Amino acid sequence: MYPPSPWHLRGHLYLSVFALRRAELPALPAGIRPLTVAGRALVGAAWVAYEPGGTLHYRELLAAVLVRPLRFSITDIWVDSPESCEGGRALWAIPKDLAEIAITPPAAAAPGIARASITVGRRLPGRWPTPLPLVQERDGSLVRTPVRGRAALRRTRVTWQIEPGGPLSFLADRKPLLSVTLADFRMRFGT
């Protein structure tokens, strides 16, 4: 069983942003269109460590595409919590699957999917708003989920090792445009 919406979450998110041609993107459901600039779309790949003190605590690996209007759509996601997996699917139509995930900077791993080395750098001043609204598809309808929070931002370097032929192979052998850590975030997921 999973907790009701909203979920109040806290932790650390290690994000890399990639630019891909539209033809290189993972499939998006009908009605969800990528936001493109000069024929490229932005894809975020992130390791997330949800810490105790929130609704649930677990680990997550995800890929999401920036879509129109300004929202994100999660294309691939794995968690190490059955409650999170079931709740994400039922409440918000997020296509969560279970996987073994370890996130202990300077390393992160999801066997058979990806590994990464993470170097967290300097903190930028202040705490920043982190609006991350989602749009997913379920049974031909769009499910929109508000996500709001605040985090300290830290410059970060993430070196990805994507499993060849694995579910994130569309990101294999690519270097991120930028990487950042949303450190010590506090987030409200859902309404």
N, C-alpha and C. Protein backbone atom coordinates (compact mmCIF):
# COMPACT_ATOMS: atom_id res chain seq x y z
N MET A 1 0.84 -1.19 0.00
CA MET A 1 0.00 0.00 0.00
C MET A 1 0.88 1.24 0.00
N TYR A 2 0.38 2.30 -0.59
CA TYR A 2 1.15 3.54 -0.73
C TYR A 2 0.41 4.68 -0.02
N PRO A 3 1.16 5.74 0.36
CA PRO A 3 0.52 6.89 1.00
C PRO A 3 -0.31 7.70 0.01
N PRO A 4 -1.33 8.41 0.50
CA PRO A 4 -2.14 9.26 -0.39
C PRO A 4 -1.34 10.49 -0.84
N SER A 5 -1.82 11.12 -1.90
CA SER A 5 -1.24 12.37 -2.39
C SER A 5 -1.72 13.51 -1.49
N PRO A 6 -0.88 14.53 -1.24
CA PRO A 6 0.46 14.73 -1.80
C PRO A 6 1.52 14.02 -0.96
N TRP A 7 2.67 13.82 -1.60
CA TRP A 7 3.82 13.31 -0.88
C TRP A 7 4.74 14.47 -0.59
N HIS A 8 5.19 14.56 0.65
CA HIS A 8 6.18 15.56 1.04
C HIS A 8 7.51 14.83 1.12
N LEU A 9 8.44 15.23 0.25
CA LEU A 9 9.69 14.50 0.10
C LEU A 9 10.87 15.41 0.37
N ARG A 10 11.98 14.79 0.77
CA ARG A 10 13.22 15.54 1.01
C ARG A 10 14.38 14.69 0.58
N GLY A 11 15.48 15.33 0.20
CA GLY A 11 16.65 14.57 -0.20
C GLY A 11 17.57 15.33 -1.11
N HIS A 12 18.20 14.58 -2.03
CA HIS A 12 19.20 15.14 -2.95
C HIS A 12 18.95 14.58 -4.34
N LEU A 13 19.01 15.46 -5.35
CA LEU A 13 18.79 15.07 -6.73
C LEU A 13 20.01 15.47 -7.55
N TYR A 14 20.60 14.52 -8.27
CA TYR A 14 21.79 14.74 -9.08
C TYR A 14 21.36 14.67 -10.54
N LEU A 15 21.25 15.84 -11.18
CA LEU A 15 20.64 15.97 -12.50
C LEU A 15 21.66 16.30 -13.57
N SER A 16 21.54 15.62 -14.71
CA SER A 16 22.29 15.98 -15.92
C SER A 16 21.27 16.29 -17.01
N VAL A 17 21.58 17.30 -17.82
CA VAL A 17 20.71 17.71 -18.92
C VAL A 17 21.43 17.44 -20.23
N PHE A 18 20.73 16.74 -21.14
CA PHE A 18 21.26 16.37 -22.45
C PHE A 18 20.40 17.02 -23.54
N ALA A 19 20.99 17.30 -24.71
CA ALA A 19 20.24 17.80 -25.86
C ALA A 19 20.24 16.71 -26.92
N LEU A 20 19.04 16.29 -27.33
CA LEU A 20 18.89 15.23 -28.33
C LEU A 20 18.03 15.72 -29.48
N ARG A 21 18.32 15.23 -30.69
CA ARG A 21 17.45 15.50 -31.82
C ARG A 21 16.12 14.79 -31.57
N ARG A 22 15.08 15.33 -32.10
CA ARG A 22 13.74 14.78 -31.87
C ARG A 22 13.68 13.29 -32.20
N ALA A 23 14.34 12.89 -33.30
CA ALA A 23 14.32 11.48 -33.72
C ALA A 23 15.03 10.56 -32.73
N GLU A 24 15.88 11.12 -31.87
CA GLU A 24 16.64 10.32 -30.90
C GLU A 24 15.92 10.17 -29.56
N LEU A 25 14.80 10.86 -29.39
CA LEU A 25 14.09 10.85 -28.12
C LEU A 25 13.39 9.51 -27.89
N PRO A 26 13.24 9.14 -26.63
CA PRO A 26 12.39 7.99 -26.33
C PRO A 26 10.95 8.33 -26.71
N ALA A 27 10.14 7.33 -26.91
CA ALA A 27 8.75 7.54 -27.33
C ALA A 27 7.97 8.32 -26.28
N LEU A 28 7.20 9.29 -26.75
CA LEU A 28 6.29 10.03 -25.89
C LEU A 28 4.86 9.67 -26.28
N PRO A 29 3.95 9.62 -25.32
CA PRO A 29 2.55 9.28 -25.64
C PRO A 29 1.91 10.34 -26.53
N ALA A 30 0.84 9.96 -27.22
CA ALA A 30 0.07 10.91 -28.02
C ALA A 30 -0.40 12.04 -27.11
N GLY A 31 -0.33 13.25 -27.62
CA GLY A 31 -0.77 14.41 -26.86
C GLY A 31 0.33 15.06 -26.05
N ILE A 32 1.50 14.44 -25.99
CA ILE A 32 2.63 15.03 -25.27
C ILE A 32 3.73 15.30 -26.31
N ARG A 33 4.06 16.59 -26.48
CA ARG A 33 5.03 16.99 -27.51
C ARG A 33 6.28 17.59 -26.85
N PRO A 34 7.45 17.19 -27.34
CA PRO A 34 8.67 17.77 -26.76
C PRO A 34 8.80 19.24 -27.13
N LEU A 35 9.41 20.00 -26.25
CA LEU A 35 9.75 21.38 -26.52
C LEU A 35 11.11 21.34 -27.22
N THR A 36 11.16 21.81 -28.46
CA THR A 36 12.41 21.76 -29.22
C THR A 36 12.89 23.17 -29.55
N VAL A 37 14.20 23.32 -29.61
CA VAL A 37 14.86 24.55 -30.04
C VAL A 37 15.93 24.12 -31.03
N ALA A 38 15.87 24.66 -32.23
CA ALA A 38 16.81 24.30 -33.28
C ALA A 38 16.85 22.78 -33.50
N GLY A 39 15.68 22.16 -33.41
CA GLY A 39 15.59 20.72 -33.66
C GLY A 39 16.06 19.83 -32.52
N ARG A 40 16.38 20.41 -31.38
CA ARG A 40 16.85 19.63 -30.23
C ARG A 40 15.88 19.76 -29.06
N ALA A 41 15.77 18.69 -28.31
CA ALA A 41 14.94 18.67 -27.11
C ALA A 41 15.85 18.42 -25.91
N LEU A 42 15.42 18.88 -24.75
CA LEU A 42 16.19 18.67 -23.53
C LEU A 42 15.66 17.44 -22.78
N VAL A 43 16.60 16.58 -22.40
CA VAL A 43 16.29 15.38 -21.63
C VAL A 43 17.09 15.45 -20.34
N GLY A 44 16.41 15.27 -19.23
CA GLY A 44 17.09 15.23 -17.94
C GLY A 44 17.21 13.79 -17.48
N ALA A 45 18.35 13.44 -16.96
CA ALA A 45 18.55 12.13 -16.33
C ALA A 45 19.02 12.42 -14.91
N ALA A 46 18.41 11.74 -13.95
CA ALA A 46 18.70 12.09 -12.56
C ALA A 46 18.72 10.86 -11.65
N TRP A 47 19.61 10.94 -10.69
CA TRP A 47 19.65 10.03 -9.56
C TRP A 47 19.03 10.79 -8.40
N VAL A 48 18.09 10.19 -7.70
CA VAL A 48 17.43 10.89 -6.60
C VAL A 48 17.48 10.02 -5.35
N ALA A 49 17.94 10.63 -4.26
CA ALA A 49 17.95 9.95 -2.96
C ALA A 49 16.94 10.67 -2.07
N TYR A 50 15.78 10.05 -1.87
CA TYR A 50 14.77 10.58 -0.96
C TYR A 50 15.11 10.09 0.44
N GLU A 51 15.28 11.03 1.35
CA GLU A 51 15.80 10.74 2.68
C GLU A 51 14.69 10.60 3.71
N PRO A 52 15.00 9.97 4.86
CA PRO A 52 14.04 9.91 5.96
C PRO A 52 13.60 11.32 6.36
N GLY A 53 12.38 11.41 6.85
CA GLY A 53 11.81 12.70 7.22
C GLY A 53 10.72 13.13 6.25
N GLY A 54 10.65 12.46 5.08
CA GLY A 54 9.59 12.72 4.13
C GLY A 54 8.55 11.60 4.18
N THR A 55 7.58 11.69 3.30
CA THR A 55 6.51 10.68 3.26
C THR A 55 7.08 9.28 3.07
N LEU A 56 8.02 9.14 2.15
CA LEU A 56 8.72 7.87 1.92
C LEU A 56 10.20 8.17 1.77
N HIS A 57 11.05 7.18 2.01
CA HIS A 57 12.45 7.34 1.66
C HIS A 57 12.86 6.13 0.82
N TYR A 58 13.52 6.45 -0.33
CA TYR A 58 13.90 5.44 -1.31
C TYR A 58 14.89 6.05 -2.30
N ARG A 59 15.33 5.27 -3.24
CA ARG A 59 16.26 5.72 -4.29
C ARG A 59 15.57 5.60 -5.64
N GLU A 60 16.03 6.46 -6.61
CA GLU A 60 15.35 6.53 -7.89
C GLU A 60 16.35 6.90 -8.98
N LEU A 61 16.14 6.38 -10.17
CA LEU A 61 16.85 6.77 -11.39
C LEU A 61 15.78 7.06 -12.41
N LEU A 62 15.88 8.21 -13.10
CA LEU A 62 14.85 8.56 -14.07
C LEU A 62 15.42 9.31 -15.26
N ALA A 63 14.63 9.31 -16.35
CA ALA A 63 14.86 10.16 -17.52
C ALA A 63 13.54 10.84 -17.83
N ALA A 64 13.60 12.14 -18.13
CA ALA A 64 12.40 12.92 -18.42
C ALA A 64 12.70 13.90 -19.55
N VAL A 65 11.68 14.20 -20.35
CA VAL A 65 11.79 15.11 -21.48
C VAL A 65 11.05 16.40 -21.15
N LEU A 66 11.65 17.54 -21.48
CA LEU A 66 10.97 18.83 -21.35
C LEU A 66 9.95 18.91 -22.48
N VAL A 67 8.67 19.16 -22.12
CA VAL A 67 7.58 19.13 -23.09
C VAL A 67 6.78 20.43 -23.06
N ARG A 68 5.88 20.56 -24.05
CA ARG A 68 5.00 21.73 -24.15
C ARG A 68 3.68 21.43 -23.46
N PRO A 69 3.02 22.43 -22.81
CA PRO A 69 3.67 23.64 -22.33
C PRO A 69 4.70 23.27 -21.28
N LEU A 70 5.41 24.20 -20.77
CA LEU A 70 6.60 23.96 -19.95
C LEU A 70 6.34 23.01 -18.78
N ARG A 71 6.59 21.73 -19.04
CA ARG A 71 6.44 20.65 -18.06
C ARG A 71 7.47 19.58 -18.38
N PHE A 72 7.49 18.55 -17.56
CA PHE A 72 8.34 17.40 -17.81
C PHE A 72 7.45 16.17 -17.98
N SER A 73 7.92 15.24 -18.79
CA SER A 73 7.25 13.95 -18.91
C SER A 73 8.30 12.87 -18.68
N ILE A 74 8.05 12.03 -17.70
CA ILE A 74 9.00 10.97 -17.35
C ILE A 74 8.81 9.82 -18.33
N THR A 75 9.89 9.46 -19.00
CA THR A 75 9.83 8.36 -19.98
C THR A 75 10.30 7.05 -19.39
N ASP A 76 11.27 7.11 -18.47
CA ASP A 76 11.86 5.91 -17.88
C ASP A 76 12.15 6.22 -16.42
N ILE A 77 11.80 5.27 -15.53
CA ILE A 77 12.04 5.51 -14.11
C ILE A 77 12.07 4.19 -13.36
N TRP A 78 13.02 4.12 -12.44
CA TRP A 78 13.17 2.94 -11.57
C TRP A 78 13.30 3.42 -10.14
N VAL A 79 12.70 2.67 -9.23
CA VAL A 79 12.78 2.97 -7.80
C VAL A 79 13.09 1.67 -7.05
N ASP A 80 13.58 1.81 -5.84
CA ASP A 80 13.87 0.62 -5.03
C ASP A 80 12.84 0.42 -3.93
N SER A 81 11.65 0.99 -4.10
CA SER A 81 10.58 0.93 -3.11
C SER A 81 9.28 0.46 -3.76
N PRO A 82 8.74 -0.67 -3.32
CA PRO A 82 7.45 -1.11 -3.86
C PRO A 82 6.33 -0.09 -3.63
N GLU A 83 6.33 0.60 -2.47
CA GLU A 83 5.30 1.60 -2.19
C GLU A 83 5.38 2.76 -3.17
N SER A 84 6.61 3.23 -3.44
CA SER A 84 6.79 4.31 -4.40
C SER A 84 6.38 3.87 -5.80
N CYS A 85 6.75 2.66 -6.17
CA CYS A 85 6.41 2.13 -7.49
C CYS A 85 4.89 2.09 -7.69
N GLU A 86 4.21 1.50 -6.75
CA GLU A 86 2.76 1.35 -6.84
C GLU A 86 2.07 2.72 -6.77
N GLY A 87 2.50 3.57 -5.84
CA GLY A 87 1.90 4.90 -5.69
C GLY A 87 2.13 5.78 -6.89
N GLY A 88 3.33 5.79 -7.44
CA GLY A 88 3.63 6.61 -8.62
C GLY A 88 2.75 6.24 -9.80
N ARG A 89 2.55 4.95 -9.99
CA ARG A 89 1.70 4.48 -11.10
C ARG A 89 0.23 4.84 -10.85
N ALA A 90 -0.26 4.56 -9.65
CA ALA A 90 -1.69 4.76 -9.36
C ALA A 90 -2.08 6.23 -9.26
N LEU A 91 -1.27 7.03 -8.57
CA LEU A 91 -1.63 8.41 -8.31
C LEU A 91 -1.37 9.35 -9.48
N TRP A 92 -0.22 9.16 -10.17
CA TRP A 92 0.21 10.16 -11.15
C TRP A 92 0.55 9.57 -12.52
N ALA A 93 0.30 8.30 -12.75
CA ALA A 93 0.58 7.65 -14.04
C ALA A 93 2.06 7.68 -14.41
N ILE A 94 2.92 7.67 -13.41
CA ILE A 94 4.37 7.64 -13.65
C ILE A 94 4.77 6.18 -13.86
N PRO A 95 5.45 5.86 -14.97
CA PRO A 95 5.74 4.46 -15.32
C PRO A 95 6.89 3.85 -14.51
N LYS A 96 6.75 3.83 -13.19
CA LYS A 96 7.81 3.34 -12.32
C LYS A 96 7.95 1.82 -12.39
N ASP A 97 9.20 1.39 -12.37
CA ASP A 97 9.54 -0.03 -12.26
C ASP A 97 10.49 -0.19 -11.09
N LEU A 98 10.59 -1.39 -10.56
CA LEU A 98 11.50 -1.67 -9.45
C LEU A 98 12.88 -2.02 -9.98
N ALA A 99 13.90 -1.58 -9.25
CA ALA A 99 15.29 -1.92 -9.57
C ALA A 99 16.12 -1.77 -8.31
N GLU A 100 17.27 -2.39 -8.33
CA GLU A 100 18.24 -2.21 -7.25
C GLU A 100 19.02 -0.94 -7.57
N ILE A 101 19.03 0.02 -6.64
CA ILE A 101 19.68 1.31 -6.88
C ILE A 101 20.52 1.67 -5.66
N ALA A 102 21.74 2.12 -5.94
CA ALA A 102 22.63 2.61 -4.88
C ALA A 102 23.08 4.02 -5.25
N ILE A 103 22.94 4.94 -4.32
CA ILE A 103 23.39 6.32 -4.55
C ILE A 103 24.16 6.76 -3.33
N THR A 104 25.46 6.77 -3.46
CA THR A 104 26.34 7.22 -2.39
C THR A 104 27.49 7.99 -3.06
N PRO A 105 27.26 9.31 -3.33
CA PRO A 105 28.31 10.05 -4.01
C PRO A 105 29.65 9.81 -3.34
N PRO A 106 30.67 9.52 -4.13
CA PRO A 106 30.79 9.86 -5.55
C PRO A 106 30.35 8.79 -6.54
N ALA A 107 29.48 7.88 -6.18
CA ALA A 107 29.05 6.84 -7.11
C ALA A 107 27.55 6.60 -7.01
N ALA A 108 27.00 6.16 -8.15
CA ALA A 108 25.60 5.74 -8.20
C ALA A 108 25.52 4.58 -9.17
N ALA A 109 24.63 3.63 -8.92
CA ALA A 109 24.52 2.48 -9.80
C ALA A 109 23.12 1.89 -9.77
N ALA A 110 22.67 1.48 -10.93
CA ALA A 110 21.47 0.67 -11.10
C ALA A 110 21.88 -0.43 -12.06
N PRO A 111 22.25 -1.62 -11.55
CA PRO A 111 22.78 -2.69 -12.40
C PRO A 111 21.88 -2.99 -13.60
N GLY A 112 22.53 -3.11 -14.76
CA GLY A 112 21.83 -3.38 -16.00
C GLY A 112 21.23 -2.15 -16.66
N ILE A 113 21.33 -0.98 -15.97
CA ILE A 113 20.74 0.25 -16.52
C ILE A 113 21.82 1.32 -16.71
N ALA A 114 22.45 1.74 -15.60
CA ALA A 114 23.44 2.81 -15.68
C ALA A 114 24.27 2.86 -14.40
N ARG A 115 25.42 3.49 -14.54
CA ARG A 115 26.30 3.83 -13.42
C ARG A 115 26.73 5.27 -13.62
N ALA A 116 27.19 5.89 -12.55
CA ALA A 116 27.67 7.27 -12.68
C ALA A 116 28.67 7.57 -11.58
N SER A 117 29.59 8.46 -11.91
CA SER A 117 30.43 9.05 -10.87
C SER A 117 29.94 10.49 -10.71
N ILE A 118 29.81 10.91 -9.47
CA ILE A 118 29.22 12.20 -9.14
C ILE A 118 30.21 13.00 -8.31
N THR A 119 30.55 14.18 -8.80
CA THR A 119 31.43 15.10 -8.06
C THR A 119 30.64 16.36 -7.77
N VAL A 120 30.28 16.55 -6.51
CA VAL A 120 29.49 17.71 -6.12
C VAL A 120 30.44 18.86 -5.79
N GLY A 121 30.16 20.02 -6.40
CA GLY A 121 31.02 21.18 -6.21
C GLY A 121 30.40 22.23 -5.32
N ARG A 122 30.78 23.46 -5.61
CA ARG A 122 30.37 24.60 -4.80
C ARG A 122 28.88 24.83 -4.78
N ARG A 123 28.43 25.30 -3.64
CA ARG A 123 27.02 25.66 -3.49
C ARG A 123 26.81 27.09 -4.00
N LEU A 124 25.72 27.30 -4.73
CA LEU A 124 25.33 28.64 -5.13
C LEU A 124 24.57 29.27 -3.96
N PRO A 125 24.64 30.58 -3.80
CA PRO A 125 23.98 31.22 -2.66
C PRO A 125 22.46 31.02 -2.69
N GLY A 126 21.88 30.88 -1.51
CA GLY A 126 20.43 30.84 -1.36
C GLY A 126 19.82 29.47 -1.54
N ARG A 127 18.48 29.46 -1.42
CA ARG A 127 17.68 28.26 -1.72
C ARG A 127 16.77 28.66 -2.86
N TRP A 128 16.70 27.81 -3.85
CA TRP A 128 16.04 28.12 -5.11
C TRP A 128 14.72 27.38 -5.24
N PRO A 129 13.70 28.04 -5.83
CA PRO A 129 12.46 27.32 -6.11
C PRO A 129 12.72 26.25 -7.17
N THR A 130 12.08 25.12 -7.04
CA THR A 130 12.26 24.02 -7.99
C THR A 130 10.91 23.51 -8.47
N PRO A 131 10.22 24.32 -9.31
CA PRO A 131 8.96 23.84 -9.85
C PRO A 131 9.24 22.79 -10.92
N LEU A 132 8.66 21.62 -10.78
CA LEU A 132 8.90 20.53 -11.73
C LEU A 132 7.56 19.89 -12.12
N PRO A 133 6.63 20.67 -12.71
CA PRO A 133 5.33 20.08 -13.02
C PRO A 133 5.46 18.95 -14.04
N LEU A 134 4.65 17.90 -13.84
CA LEU A 134 4.70 16.71 -14.71
C LEU A 134 3.44 16.59 -15.54
N VAL A 135 3.58 15.93 -16.68
CA VAL A 135 2.44 15.50 -17.46
C VAL A 135 2.73 14.08 -17.93
N GLN A 136 1.81 13.18 -17.65
CA GLN A 136 1.93 11.78 -18.06
C GLN A 136 0.63 11.39 -18.76
N GLU A 137 0.59 10.21 -19.33
CA GLU A 137 -0.60 9.74 -20.03
C GLU A 137 -1.10 8.47 -19.39
N ARG A 138 -2.44 8.39 -19.25
CA ARG A 138 -3.06 7.17 -18.76
C ARG A 138 -4.38 6.97 -19.51
N ASP A 139 -4.48 5.85 -20.20
CA ASP A 139 -5.70 5.49 -20.91
C ASP A 139 -6.21 6.59 -21.82
N GLY A 140 -5.29 7.23 -22.55
CA GLY A 140 -5.67 8.26 -23.51
C GLY A 140 -5.91 9.63 -22.93
N SER A 141 -5.78 9.79 -21.62
CA SER A 141 -5.96 11.10 -20.97
C SER A 141 -4.63 11.57 -20.38
N LEU A 142 -4.46 12.88 -20.33
CA LEU A 142 -3.26 13.44 -19.73
C LEU A 142 -3.47 13.64 -18.24
N VAL A 143 -2.47 13.25 -17.46
CA VAL A 143 -2.48 13.41 -16.01
C VAL A 143 -1.44 14.47 -15.68
N ARG A 144 -1.89 15.60 -15.16
CA ARG A 144 -0.99 16.70 -14.81
C ARG A 144 -0.80 16.72 -13.30
N THR A 145 0.45 16.80 -12.90
CA THR A 145 0.77 16.77 -11.46
C THR A 145 1.65 17.95 -11.10
N PRO A 146 1.21 18.80 -10.18
CA PRO A 146 2.07 19.88 -9.72
C PRO A 146 3.15 19.34 -8.78
N VAL A 147 4.34 19.86 -8.95
CA VAL A 147 5.46 19.50 -8.07
C VAL A 147 6.16 20.81 -7.73
N ARG A 148 6.24 21.10 -6.44
CA ARG A 148 6.86 22.34 -5.99
C ARG A 148 7.87 22.04 -4.90
N GLY A 149 8.90 22.88 -4.86
CA GLY A 149 9.87 22.70 -3.80
C GLY A 149 10.91 23.80 -3.78
N ARG A 150 11.90 23.60 -2.92
CA ARG A 150 13.05 24.50 -2.81
C ARG A 150 14.27 23.65 -2.54
N ALA A 151 15.40 24.13 -3.03
CA ALA A 151 16.64 23.37 -2.85
C ALA A 151 17.83 24.31 -2.89
N ALA A 152 18.91 23.87 -2.29
CA ALA A 152 20.20 24.53 -2.49
C ALA A 152 20.75 23.95 -3.79
N LEU A 153 21.33 24.80 -4.64
CA LEU A 153 21.92 24.34 -5.90
C LEU A 153 23.43 24.24 -5.75
N ARG A 154 23.97 23.16 -6.28
CA ARG A 154 25.41 22.96 -6.24
C ARG A 154 25.89 22.59 -7.63
N ARG A 155 26.98 23.20 -8.04
CA ARG A 155 27.61 22.79 -9.30
C ARG A 155 28.04 21.35 -9.15
N THR A 156 27.89 20.60 -10.21
CA THR A 156 28.14 19.17 -10.13
C THR A 156 28.70 18.65 -11.45
N ARG A 157 29.50 17.61 -11.37
CA ARG A 157 29.95 16.90 -12.57
C ARG A 157 29.48 15.46 -12.42
N VAL A 158 28.72 14.99 -13.41
CA VAL A 158 28.26 13.61 -13.42
C VAL A 158 28.80 12.95 -14.70
N THR A 159 29.51 11.87 -14.53
CA THR A 159 30.00 11.09 -15.67
C THR A 159 29.15 9.82 -15.73
N TRP A 160 28.39 9.71 -16.81
CA TRP A 160 27.44 8.60 -16.99
C TRP A 160 28.07 7.45 -17.73
N GLN A 161 27.74 6.25 -17.30
CA GLN A 161 28.09 5.01 -18.01
C GLN A 161 26.78 4.27 -18.21
N ILE A 162 26.23 4.43 -19.40
CA ILE A 162 24.93 3.84 -19.72
C ILE A 162 25.15 2.43 -20.26
N GLU A 163 24.36 1.49 -19.80
CA GLU A 163 24.46 0.10 -20.25
C GLU A 163 24.10 0.03 -21.74
N PRO A 164 25.03 -0.44 -22.60
CA PRO A 164 24.72 -0.56 -24.03
C PRO A 164 23.53 -1.51 -24.23
N GLY A 165 22.60 -1.09 -25.07
CA GLY A 165 21.42 -1.91 -25.33
C GLY A 165 20.40 -1.89 -24.20
N GLY A 166 20.68 -1.15 -23.13
CA GLY A 166 19.76 -1.05 -22.00
C GLY A 166 18.67 -0.03 -22.24
N PRO A 167 17.79 0.14 -21.28
CA PRO A 167 16.64 1.03 -21.47
C PRO A 167 16.99 2.51 -21.61
N LEU A 168 18.18 2.93 -21.18
CA LEU A 168 18.60 4.33 -21.35
C LEU A 168 19.63 4.47 -22.47
N SER A 169 19.69 3.51 -23.38
CA SER A 169 20.73 3.53 -24.43
C SER A 169 20.64 4.77 -25.31
N PHE A 170 19.50 5.46 -25.34
CA PHE A 170 19.40 6.70 -26.11
C PHE A 170 20.31 7.79 -25.54
N LEU A 171 20.83 7.61 -24.32
CA LEU A 171 21.77 8.56 -23.73
C LEU A 171 23.22 8.06 -23.75
N ALA A 172 23.44 6.85 -24.27
CA ALA A 172 24.79 6.26 -24.25
C ALA A 172 25.76 7.13 -25.05
N ASP A 173 26.97 7.21 -24.53
CA ASP A 173 28.08 7.93 -25.17
C ASP A 173 27.80 9.41 -25.39
N ARG A 174 26.96 9.99 -24.60
CA ARG A 174 26.67 11.43 -24.69
C ARG A 174 27.21 12.13 -23.45
N LYS A 175 27.63 13.35 -23.65
CA LYS A 175 28.06 14.18 -22.53
C LYS A 175 26.95 15.17 -22.21
N PRO A 176 26.66 15.35 -20.94
CA PRO A 176 25.61 16.31 -20.58
C PRO A 176 26.02 17.75 -20.91
N LEU A 177 25.01 18.57 -21.21
CA LEU A 177 25.24 20.00 -21.38
C LEU A 177 25.64 20.62 -20.06
N LEU A 178 24.97 20.15 -19.00
CA LEU A 178 25.27 20.63 -17.65
C LEU A 178 24.76 19.62 -16.65
N SER A 179 25.31 19.68 -15.47
CA SER A 179 24.85 18.86 -14.35
C SER A 179 24.78 19.75 -13.12
N VAL A 180 23.82 19.45 -12.25
CA VAL A 180 23.62 20.23 -11.04
C VAL A 180 23.04 19.31 -9.97
N THR A 181 23.30 19.66 -8.73
CA THR A 181 22.69 18.96 -7.61
C THR A 181 21.65 19.87 -6.98
N LEU A 182 20.45 19.34 -6.79
CA LEU A 182 19.44 20.00 -5.97
C LEU A 182 19.63 19.40 -4.59
N ALA A 183 20.40 20.08 -3.77
CA ALA A 183 20.80 19.55 -2.47
C ALA A 183 19.77 19.90 -1.40
N ASP A 184 19.58 18.95 -0.49
CA ASP A 184 18.70 19.16 0.65
C ASP A 184 17.35 19.75 0.21
N PHE A 185 16.77 19.17 -0.86
CA PHE A 185 15.49 19.69 -1.33
C PHE A 185 14.36 19.31 -0.39
N ARG A 186 13.34 20.13 -0.44
CA ARG A 186 12.06 19.87 0.20
C ARG A 186 11.05 19.99 -0.93
N MET A 187 10.19 18.97 -1.13
CA MET A 187 9.32 18.94 -2.28
C MET A 187 7.91 18.50 -1.88
N ARG A 188 6.93 19.10 -2.52
CA ARG A 188 5.55 18.64 -2.39
C ARG A 188 5.13 18.10 -3.74
N PHE A 189 4.83 16.81 -3.79
CA PHE A 189 4.53 16.11 -5.03
C PHE A 189 3.05 15.78 -5.05
N GLY A 190 2.29 16.43 -5.95
CA GLY A 190 0.87 16.18 -6.04
C GLY A 190 0.05 17.20 -5.27
N THR A 191 -1.28 16.97 -5.30
CA THR A 191 -2.19 17.92 -4.64
C THR A 191 -2.93 17.21 -3.52
